[in-house]
N, C-alpha and C. Protein backbone atom coordinates (compact mmCIF):
# COMPACT_ATOMS: atom_id res chain seq x y z
N UNK A 1 172.19 85.37 30.31
CA UNK A 1 172.41 85.97 31.60
C UNK A 1 171.30 86.99 31.86
N UNK A 2 170.69 86.90 33.00
CA UNK A 2 169.57 87.77 33.33
C UNK A 2 170.09 89.10 33.85
N UNK A 3 169.38 90.13 33.51
CA UNK A 3 169.75 91.47 33.98
C UNK A 3 169.39 91.60 35.46
N UNK A 4 170.24 92.28 36.19
CA UNK A 4 169.96 92.48 37.61
C UNK A 4 168.81 93.47 37.77
N UNK A 5 167.98 93.27 38.79
CA UNK A 5 166.86 94.19 38.96
C UNK A 5 167.35 95.58 39.31
N UNK A 6 166.64 96.57 38.90
CA UNK A 6 167.02 97.97 39.17
C UNK A 6 166.55 98.33 40.57
N UNK A 7 167.48 98.80 41.38
CA UNK A 7 167.16 99.24 42.73
C UNK A 7 167.14 100.76 42.77
N UNK A 8 166.22 101.34 43.52
CA UNK A 8 166.21 102.81 43.60
C UNK A 8 167.47 103.29 44.34
N UNK A 9 167.94 104.44 43.97
CA UNK A 9 169.13 105.02 44.61
C UNK A 9 168.70 105.72 45.89
N UNK A 10 169.35 105.39 46.99
CA UNK A 10 169.08 106.03 48.26
C UNK A 10 170.28 106.88 48.66
N UNK A 11 169.99 107.99 49.27
CA UNK A 11 171.07 108.83 49.78
C UNK A 11 171.68 108.17 51.00
N UNK A 12 172.97 108.27 51.12
CA UNK A 12 173.63 107.75 52.32
C UNK A 12 173.33 108.67 53.50
N UNK A 13 173.58 108.17 54.70
CA UNK A 13 173.37 108.99 55.91
C UNK A 13 174.22 110.26 55.85
N UNK A 14 175.44 110.14 55.36
CA UNK A 14 176.32 111.31 55.27
C UNK A 14 175.75 112.35 54.31
N UNK A 15 175.24 111.88 53.19
CA UNK A 15 174.67 112.82 52.22
C UNK A 15 173.44 113.52 52.78
N UNK A 16 172.61 112.77 53.48
CA UNK A 16 171.42 113.38 54.08
C UNK A 16 171.81 114.38 55.17
N UNK A 17 172.82 114.04 55.97
CA UNK A 17 173.23 114.90 57.08
C UNK A 17 173.80 116.23 56.60
N UNK A 18 174.36 116.25 55.39
CA UNK A 18 174.94 117.49 54.87
C UNK A 18 173.97 118.27 53.99
N UNK A 19 172.75 117.78 53.89
CA UNK A 19 171.78 118.46 53.04
C UNK A 19 171.31 119.77 53.67
N UNK A 20 170.75 120.64 52.84
CA UNK A 20 170.25 121.93 53.33
C UNK A 20 169.11 121.73 54.32
N UNK A 21 168.30 120.70 54.11
CA UNK A 21 167.17 120.44 55.01
C UNK A 21 167.65 120.09 56.42
N UNK A 22 168.76 119.42 56.51
CA UNK A 22 169.29 119.02 57.82
C UNK A 22 170.16 120.11 58.47
N UNK A 23 170.55 121.11 57.72
CA UNK A 23 171.46 122.13 58.25
C UNK A 23 170.85 122.91 59.41
N UNK A 24 169.54 122.97 59.48
CA UNK A 24 168.92 123.72 60.58
C UNK A 24 169.17 123.06 61.93
N UNK A 25 169.56 121.79 61.94
CA UNK A 25 169.82 121.09 63.19
C UNK A 25 171.28 121.18 63.65
N UNK A 26 172.13 121.78 62.84
CA UNK A 26 173.55 121.87 63.19
C UNK A 26 173.77 122.90 64.28
N UNK A 27 174.70 122.60 65.15
CA UNK A 27 175.10 123.55 66.19
C UNK A 27 176.15 124.45 65.57
N UNK A 28 175.90 125.74 65.59
CA UNK A 28 176.80 126.67 64.92
C UNK A 28 177.82 127.31 65.86
N UNK A 29 177.62 127.16 67.15
CA UNK A 29 178.54 127.74 68.13
C UNK A 29 179.81 126.91 68.17
N UNK A 30 180.97 127.56 68.29
CA UNK A 30 182.21 126.79 68.40
C UNK A 30 182.26 126.04 69.73
N UNK A 31 183.02 124.97 69.76
CA UNK A 31 183.17 124.20 71.00
C UNK A 31 183.93 125.07 71.99
N UNK A 32 183.36 125.23 73.15
CA UNK A 32 183.99 126.07 74.17
C UNK A 32 185.22 125.36 74.74
N UNK A 33 186.29 126.10 74.99
CA UNK A 33 187.46 125.48 75.60
C UNK A 33 187.18 125.15 77.06
N UNK A 34 188.02 124.31 77.62
CA UNK A 34 187.89 124.02 79.05
C UNK A 34 187.96 125.34 79.81
N UNK A 35 187.21 125.44 80.88
CA UNK A 35 187.11 126.71 81.59
C UNK A 35 188.42 127.12 82.24
N UNK A 36 189.01 126.22 82.99
CA UNK A 36 190.17 126.61 83.77
C UNK A 36 191.16 125.45 83.89
N UNK A 37 191.83 125.10 82.81
CA UNK A 37 192.79 124.00 82.88
C UNK A 37 194.10 124.42 83.55
N UNK A 38 194.74 123.47 84.21
CA UNK A 38 196.05 123.67 84.82
C UNK A 38 196.98 122.60 84.27
N UNK A 39 198.19 123.00 83.94
CA UNK A 39 199.22 122.07 83.48
C UNK A 39 200.36 122.17 84.48
N UNK A 40 200.74 121.03 85.07
CA UNK A 40 201.73 121.02 86.13
C UNK A 40 202.88 120.09 85.75
N UNK A 41 204.09 120.64 85.71
CA UNK A 41 205.30 119.86 85.44
C UNK A 41 205.94 119.46 86.77
N UNK A 42 206.29 118.18 86.89
CA UNK A 42 206.81 117.67 88.16
C UNK A 42 208.33 117.66 88.26
N UNK A 43 209.03 117.82 87.15
CA UNK A 43 210.49 117.76 87.20
C UNK A 43 211.09 118.70 86.15
N UNK A 44 212.40 118.81 86.15
CA UNK A 44 213.08 119.76 85.27
C UNK A 44 212.83 119.56 83.80
N UNK A 45 212.96 118.33 83.31
CA UNK A 45 212.75 118.09 81.87
C UNK A 45 211.29 118.33 81.50
N UNK A 46 210.37 117.91 82.37
CA UNK A 46 208.94 118.16 82.12
C UNK A 46 208.67 119.65 82.09
N UNK A 47 209.36 120.41 82.94
CA UNK A 47 209.19 121.87 82.95
C UNK A 47 209.66 122.47 81.63
N UNK A 48 210.73 121.94 81.06
CA UNK A 48 211.21 122.41 79.76
C UNK A 48 210.18 122.18 78.67
N UNK A 49 209.58 120.99 78.66
CA UNK A 49 208.53 120.68 77.69
C UNK A 49 207.34 121.62 77.89
N UNK A 50 206.97 121.82 79.15
CA UNK A 50 205.84 122.69 79.45
C UNK A 50 206.11 124.14 79.03
N UNK A 51 207.31 124.63 79.30
CA UNK A 51 207.64 126.00 78.90
C UNK A 51 207.54 126.18 77.39
N UNK A 52 207.96 125.17 76.65
CA UNK A 52 207.85 125.21 75.19
C UNK A 52 206.37 125.24 74.78
N UNK A 53 205.54 124.42 75.42
CA UNK A 53 204.11 124.39 75.11
C UNK A 53 203.42 125.68 75.49
N UNK A 54 203.86 126.31 76.57
CA UNK A 54 203.23 127.53 77.06
C UNK A 54 203.38 128.69 76.09
N UNK A 55 204.34 128.60 75.16
CA UNK A 55 204.51 129.67 74.18
C UNK A 55 203.43 129.64 73.10
N UNK A 56 202.71 128.54 73.01
CA UNK A 56 201.63 128.43 72.02
C UNK A 56 200.38 129.15 72.52
N UNK A 57 199.43 129.33 71.65
CA UNK A 57 198.19 130.00 72.03
C UNK A 57 197.24 128.98 72.62
N UNK A 58 196.84 129.22 73.86
CA UNK A 58 195.88 128.37 74.55
C UNK A 58 194.76 129.27 75.06
N UNK A 59 193.59 128.70 75.23
CA UNK A 59 192.43 129.48 75.64
C UNK A 59 192.60 130.04 77.05
N UNK A 60 192.62 129.20 78.05
CA UNK A 60 192.64 129.66 79.44
C UNK A 60 193.63 128.91 80.30
N UNK A 61 194.55 128.20 79.70
CA UNK A 61 195.46 127.34 80.46
C UNK A 61 196.41 128.15 81.32
N UNK A 62 196.71 127.61 82.48
CA UNK A 62 197.74 128.16 83.36
C UNK A 62 198.77 127.06 83.58
N UNK A 63 200.03 127.45 83.56
CA UNK A 63 201.13 126.50 83.62
C UNK A 63 201.91 126.67 84.91
N UNK A 64 202.24 125.54 85.57
CA UNK A 64 202.93 125.55 86.85
C UNK A 64 204.04 124.50 86.87
N UNK A 65 205.04 124.76 87.69
CA UNK A 65 206.06 123.75 87.96
C UNK A 65 205.99 123.39 89.43
N UNK A 66 206.32 122.15 89.73
CA UNK A 66 206.33 121.70 91.11
C UNK A 66 207.55 122.30 91.81
N UNK A 67 207.35 122.82 93.00
CA UNK A 67 208.43 123.43 93.77
C UNK A 67 209.21 122.30 94.44
N UNK A 68 210.45 122.09 93.99
CA UNK A 68 211.24 120.95 94.49
C UNK A 68 211.73 121.15 95.91
N UNK A 69 211.65 122.36 96.44
CA UNK A 69 212.12 122.61 97.80
C UNK A 69 211.22 121.96 98.84
N UNK A 70 210.00 121.59 98.42
CA UNK A 70 209.04 121.01 99.35
C UNK A 70 209.03 119.50 99.19
N UNK A 71 209.05 118.77 100.28
CA UNK A 71 208.84 117.33 100.26
C UNK A 71 207.37 117.12 100.55
N UNK A 72 206.55 117.31 99.58
CA UNK A 72 205.10 117.31 99.79
C UNK A 72 204.52 115.94 99.53
N UNK A 73 203.33 115.76 100.05
CA UNK A 73 202.58 114.56 99.75
C UNK A 73 202.89 113.38 100.64
N UNK A 74 203.75 113.54 101.64
CA UNK A 74 204.02 112.43 102.55
C UNK A 74 202.78 112.15 103.38
N UNK A 75 202.71 110.96 103.92
CA UNK A 75 201.53 110.61 104.69
C UNK A 75 201.36 111.57 105.87
N UNK A 76 200.15 111.99 106.08
CA UNK A 76 199.86 112.91 107.17
C UNK A 76 200.00 114.37 106.80
N UNK A 77 200.64 114.69 105.69
CA UNK A 77 200.78 116.09 105.28
C UNK A 77 199.56 116.53 104.50
N UNK A 78 199.09 117.73 104.72
CA UNK A 78 197.96 118.21 103.92
C UNK A 78 198.39 118.46 102.47
N UNK A 79 197.43 118.37 101.57
CA UNK A 79 197.73 118.60 100.16
C UNK A 79 198.26 120.00 99.93
N UNK A 80 197.86 120.96 100.77
CA UNK A 80 198.33 122.33 100.59
C UNK A 80 199.82 122.47 100.87
N UNK A 81 200.47 121.40 101.37
CA UNK A 81 201.90 121.46 101.57
C UNK A 81 202.64 121.47 100.23
N UNK A 82 201.95 121.06 99.16
CA UNK A 82 202.55 121.08 97.83
C UNK A 82 202.56 122.52 97.34
N UNK A 83 203.74 122.99 96.96
CA UNK A 83 203.85 124.35 96.40
C UNK A 83 204.14 124.25 94.92
N UNK A 84 203.46 125.07 94.15
CA UNK A 84 203.64 125.13 92.71
C UNK A 84 204.00 126.56 92.34
N UNK A 85 204.78 126.70 91.29
CA UNK A 85 205.16 128.03 90.81
C UNK A 85 204.60 128.24 89.42
N UNK A 86 203.89 129.35 89.23
CA UNK A 86 203.49 129.74 87.89
C UNK A 86 204.77 130.08 87.13
N UNK A 87 204.70 130.07 85.82
CA UNK A 87 205.90 130.40 85.05
C UNK A 87 206.46 131.73 85.51
N UNK A 88 207.66 131.71 86.02
CA UNK A 88 208.34 132.91 86.53
C UNK A 88 207.53 133.62 87.61
N UNK A 89 206.83 132.84 88.43
CA UNK A 89 206.03 133.44 89.50
C UNK A 89 206.42 132.89 90.85
N UNK A 90 205.83 133.43 91.89
CA UNK A 90 206.14 132.98 93.25
C UNK A 90 205.46 131.64 93.55
N UNK A 91 205.93 130.93 94.58
CA UNK A 91 205.27 129.69 94.97
C UNK A 91 203.82 129.93 95.40
N UNK A 92 202.96 129.01 95.02
CA UNK A 92 201.54 129.08 95.34
C UNK A 92 201.11 127.71 95.87
N UNK A 93 200.24 127.70 96.85
CA UNK A 93 199.76 126.44 97.41
C UNK A 93 198.87 125.71 96.40
N UNK A 94 198.93 124.39 96.47
CA UNK A 94 198.14 123.56 95.56
C UNK A 94 196.66 123.90 95.61
N UNK A 95 196.12 124.10 96.77
CA UNK A 95 194.70 124.43 96.90
C UNK A 95 194.33 125.68 96.15
N UNK A 96 195.21 126.69 96.16
CA UNK A 96 194.94 127.93 95.44
C UNK A 96 195.01 127.72 93.93
N UNK A 97 195.95 126.87 93.50
CA UNK A 97 196.08 126.58 92.07
C UNK A 97 194.85 125.84 91.55
N UNK A 98 194.33 124.93 92.36
CA UNK A 98 193.20 124.11 91.91
C UNK A 98 191.85 124.80 92.04
N UNK A 99 191.80 125.92 92.74
CA UNK A 99 190.52 126.63 92.90
C UNK A 99 189.97 127.00 91.52
N UNK A 100 188.79 126.52 91.20
CA UNK A 100 188.14 126.83 89.93
C UNK A 100 188.60 125.99 88.76
N UNK A 101 189.58 125.11 88.94
CA UNK A 101 190.08 124.27 87.83
C UNK A 101 189.07 123.18 87.52
N UNK A 102 188.99 122.80 86.25
CA UNK A 102 188.13 121.68 85.89
C UNK A 102 188.90 120.54 85.23
N UNK A 103 190.14 120.78 84.87
CA UNK A 103 191.01 119.72 84.35
C UNK A 103 192.44 120.06 84.72
N UNK A 104 193.19 119.03 85.13
CA UNK A 104 194.60 119.19 85.48
C UNK A 104 195.39 118.17 84.69
N UNK A 105 196.43 118.63 84.00
CA UNK A 105 197.33 117.75 83.27
C UNK A 105 198.68 117.78 83.98
N UNK A 106 199.15 116.60 84.39
CA UNK A 106 200.41 116.48 85.12
C UNK A 106 201.45 115.88 84.18
N UNK A 107 202.60 116.55 84.05
CA UNK A 107 203.70 116.06 83.21
C UNK A 107 204.84 115.57 84.07
N UNK A 108 205.42 114.44 83.70
CA UNK A 108 206.57 113.91 84.42
C UNK A 108 207.51 113.22 83.44
N UNK A 109 208.81 113.22 83.77
CA UNK A 109 209.78 112.48 82.97
C UNK A 109 210.64 111.58 83.85
N UNK A 110 210.49 111.71 85.15
CA UNK A 110 211.28 110.90 86.08
C UNK A 110 210.49 110.72 87.37
N UNK A 111 211.07 109.96 88.30
CA UNK A 111 210.37 109.64 89.54
C UNK A 111 210.48 110.72 90.61
N UNK A 112 211.25 111.76 90.38
CA UNK A 112 211.46 112.78 91.40
C UNK A 112 210.20 113.45 91.91
N UNK A 113 209.16 113.51 91.11
CA UNK A 113 207.93 114.18 91.51
C UNK A 113 206.85 113.23 91.98
N UNK A 114 207.24 112.02 92.36
CA UNK A 114 206.25 111.00 92.75
C UNK A 114 205.34 111.47 93.88
N UNK A 115 205.90 112.01 94.93
CA UNK A 115 205.06 112.41 96.07
C UNK A 115 204.15 113.58 95.71
N UNK A 116 204.65 114.52 94.91
CA UNK A 116 203.81 115.63 94.47
C UNK A 116 202.70 115.12 93.55
N UNK A 117 203.02 114.15 92.68
CA UNK A 117 202.01 113.58 91.77
C UNK A 117 200.89 112.94 92.58
N UNK A 118 201.25 112.20 93.61
CA UNK A 118 200.25 111.55 94.45
C UNK A 118 199.38 112.59 95.17
N UNK A 119 200.00 113.63 95.70
CA UNK A 119 199.25 114.67 96.42
C UNK A 119 198.32 115.42 95.47
N UNK A 120 198.80 115.73 94.28
CA UNK A 120 197.98 116.43 93.28
C UNK A 120 196.81 115.54 92.88
N UNK A 121 197.09 114.27 92.61
CA UNK A 121 196.04 113.34 92.21
C UNK A 121 194.98 113.17 93.29
N UNK A 122 195.41 113.03 94.55
CA UNK A 122 194.45 112.88 95.64
C UNK A 122 193.56 114.12 95.77
N UNK A 123 194.17 115.30 95.70
CA UNK A 123 193.40 116.52 95.86
C UNK A 123 192.45 116.75 94.69
N UNK A 124 192.90 116.43 93.48
CA UNK A 124 192.01 116.55 92.31
C UNK A 124 190.84 115.57 92.46
N UNK A 125 191.12 114.35 92.91
CA UNK A 125 190.07 113.37 93.12
C UNK A 125 189.07 113.84 94.17
N UNK A 126 189.57 114.41 95.25
CA UNK A 126 188.70 114.91 96.31
C UNK A 126 187.80 116.03 95.81
N UNK A 127 188.33 116.87 94.91
CA UNK A 127 187.56 118.01 94.39
C UNK A 127 186.75 117.67 93.13
N UNK A 128 186.90 116.47 92.61
CA UNK A 128 186.18 116.08 91.40
C UNK A 128 186.74 116.71 90.14
N UNK A 129 188.04 116.98 90.12
CA UNK A 129 188.69 117.60 88.96
C UNK A 129 189.26 116.49 88.08
N UNK A 130 188.93 116.52 86.80
CA UNK A 130 189.47 115.55 85.87
C UNK A 130 190.99 115.69 85.82
N UNK A 131 191.68 114.57 85.93
CA UNK A 131 193.14 114.57 85.95
C UNK A 131 193.67 113.72 84.81
N UNK A 132 194.64 114.24 84.10
CA UNK A 132 195.34 113.50 83.05
C UNK A 132 196.82 113.52 83.38
N UNK A 133 197.48 112.41 83.15
CA UNK A 133 198.91 112.33 83.39
C UNK A 133 199.64 112.00 82.11
N UNK A 134 200.76 112.66 81.88
CA UNK A 134 201.61 112.36 80.74
C UNK A 134 203.00 112.09 81.28
N UNK A 135 203.50 110.88 81.03
CA UNK A 135 204.84 110.51 81.46
C UNK A 135 205.67 110.34 80.20
N UNK A 136 206.64 111.23 80.04
CA UNK A 136 207.50 111.23 78.86
C UNK A 136 208.80 110.49 79.16
N UNK A 137 209.20 109.66 78.27
CA UNK A 137 210.49 108.99 78.43
C UNK A 137 210.52 107.67 77.70
N UNK A 138 211.72 107.15 77.60
CA UNK A 138 211.92 105.84 76.99
C UNK A 138 212.44 104.92 78.07
N UNK A 139 211.75 103.84 78.29
CA UNK A 139 212.19 102.92 79.33
C UNK A 139 211.40 103.13 80.60
N UNK A 140 212.07 102.91 81.71
CA UNK A 140 211.37 102.85 82.99
C UNK A 140 211.86 103.88 83.98
N UNK A 141 212.32 105.03 83.51
CA UNK A 141 212.83 106.05 84.42
C UNK A 141 211.73 106.74 85.22
N UNK A 142 210.48 106.50 84.88
CA UNK A 142 209.39 107.18 85.59
C UNK A 142 208.34 106.19 86.10
N UNK A 143 208.75 104.99 86.44
CA UNK A 143 207.80 103.98 86.95
C UNK A 143 207.06 104.46 88.18
N UNK A 144 207.76 105.10 89.10
CA UNK A 144 207.10 105.56 90.33
C UNK A 144 206.10 106.67 90.05
N UNK A 145 206.42 107.53 89.10
CA UNK A 145 205.48 108.60 88.74
C UNK A 145 204.22 107.99 88.12
N UNK A 146 204.38 106.98 87.29
CA UNK A 146 203.23 106.30 86.70
C UNK A 146 202.38 105.67 87.80
N UNK A 147 203.05 104.99 88.74
CA UNK A 147 202.32 104.35 89.84
C UNK A 147 201.59 105.37 90.70
N UNK A 148 202.18 106.55 90.90
CA UNK A 148 201.55 107.59 91.70
C UNK A 148 200.34 108.19 90.99
N UNK A 149 200.41 108.32 89.67
CA UNK A 149 199.31 108.93 88.91
C UNK A 149 198.19 107.96 88.58
N UNK A 150 198.50 106.68 88.46
CA UNK A 150 197.54 105.69 87.97
C UNK A 150 196.20 105.70 88.72
N UNK A 151 196.17 105.78 90.05
CA UNK A 151 194.85 105.74 90.71
C UNK A 151 193.99 106.98 90.47
N UNK A 152 194.58 108.07 90.04
CA UNK A 152 193.84 109.34 89.97
C UNK A 152 193.60 109.84 88.55
N UNK A 153 194.45 109.47 87.61
CA UNK A 153 194.38 110.02 86.26
C UNK A 153 193.34 109.28 85.42
N UNK A 154 192.40 110.04 84.89
CA UNK A 154 191.40 109.46 83.98
C UNK A 154 192.08 109.08 82.66
N UNK A 155 193.07 109.88 82.28
CA UNK A 155 193.87 109.62 81.10
C UNK A 155 195.32 109.53 81.57
N UNK A 156 196.01 108.45 81.21
CA UNK A 156 197.41 108.30 81.56
C UNK A 156 198.15 107.89 80.30
N UNK A 157 198.97 108.80 79.79
CA UNK A 157 199.66 108.60 78.53
C UNK A 157 201.15 108.41 78.79
N UNK A 158 201.68 107.29 78.35
CA UNK A 158 203.11 107.02 78.43
C UNK A 158 203.66 107.16 77.02
N UNK A 159 204.59 108.07 76.84
CA UNK A 159 205.06 108.35 75.49
C UNK A 159 206.50 108.82 75.49
N UNK A 160 207.19 108.53 74.42
CA UNK A 160 208.53 109.06 74.22
C UNK A 160 208.50 110.30 73.33
N UNK A 161 207.34 110.64 72.80
CA UNK A 161 207.20 111.74 71.86
C UNK A 161 206.57 112.96 72.54
N UNK A 162 207.33 114.03 72.64
CA UNK A 162 206.85 115.24 73.30
C UNK A 162 205.66 115.87 72.58
N UNK A 163 205.51 115.62 71.29
CA UNK A 163 204.38 116.20 70.56
C UNK A 163 203.05 115.58 71.02
N UNK A 164 203.11 114.43 71.67
CA UNK A 164 201.88 113.83 72.21
C UNK A 164 201.27 114.70 73.30
N UNK A 165 202.10 115.45 74.01
CA UNK A 165 201.60 116.34 75.05
C UNK A 165 200.74 117.42 74.40
N UNK A 166 201.23 118.00 73.32
CA UNK A 166 200.48 119.01 72.58
C UNK A 166 199.15 118.44 72.11
N UNK A 167 199.18 117.23 71.56
CA UNK A 167 197.96 116.59 71.06
C UNK A 167 196.96 116.35 72.19
N UNK A 168 197.44 115.93 73.35
CA UNK A 168 196.54 115.71 74.48
C UNK A 168 195.92 117.03 74.96
N UNK A 169 196.73 118.07 75.05
CA UNK A 169 196.21 119.37 75.49
C UNK A 169 195.17 119.88 74.49
N UNK A 170 195.43 119.67 73.22
CA UNK A 170 194.47 120.08 72.19
C UNK A 170 193.18 119.29 72.32
N UNK A 171 193.29 117.98 72.52
CA UNK A 171 192.10 117.13 72.66
C UNK A 171 191.29 117.51 73.89
N UNK A 172 191.95 117.94 74.96
CA UNK A 172 191.26 118.35 76.18
C UNK A 172 190.75 119.78 76.09
N UNK A 173 190.98 120.44 74.96
CA UNK A 173 190.56 121.82 74.71
C UNK A 173 191.14 122.78 75.75
N UNK A 174 192.40 122.56 76.07
CA UNK A 174 193.10 123.41 77.02
C UNK A 174 193.35 124.74 76.38
């Protein structure tokens, strides 16, 4: 049996990338969080999930609930007809909430917030704001909310696991 030829040992790409010679090319600054994220809950159960998430440490996130007293988002109504409430705060117009925002995450668990979801999505699209939708539930209790968010949300997550909301917010650097 013939001996196999001896091949020189080469460093792998990973080994070279972690070498001292390559360290001068590393970016040492931490990844900056999103500048002005907004998290909007469209219904009662989604608001509960959001309130739980709001207790965690986030960089610059602001949390809002959809004001159910308004029938917003109907055809012909301006987007500012949608009223949102900051946690334990007064109602605020959608336009004011979105001023300066660069990412909006919309939470829903049922179809009750369908018209608000559509109005939020349209206004975010008009302003060039990245929109993500999270629909929590098992089954089809939020089909209309999914349909309302689908045209506008760059990310649309359907999940039965509330911890997925935390993971999405973390991934978006909220």
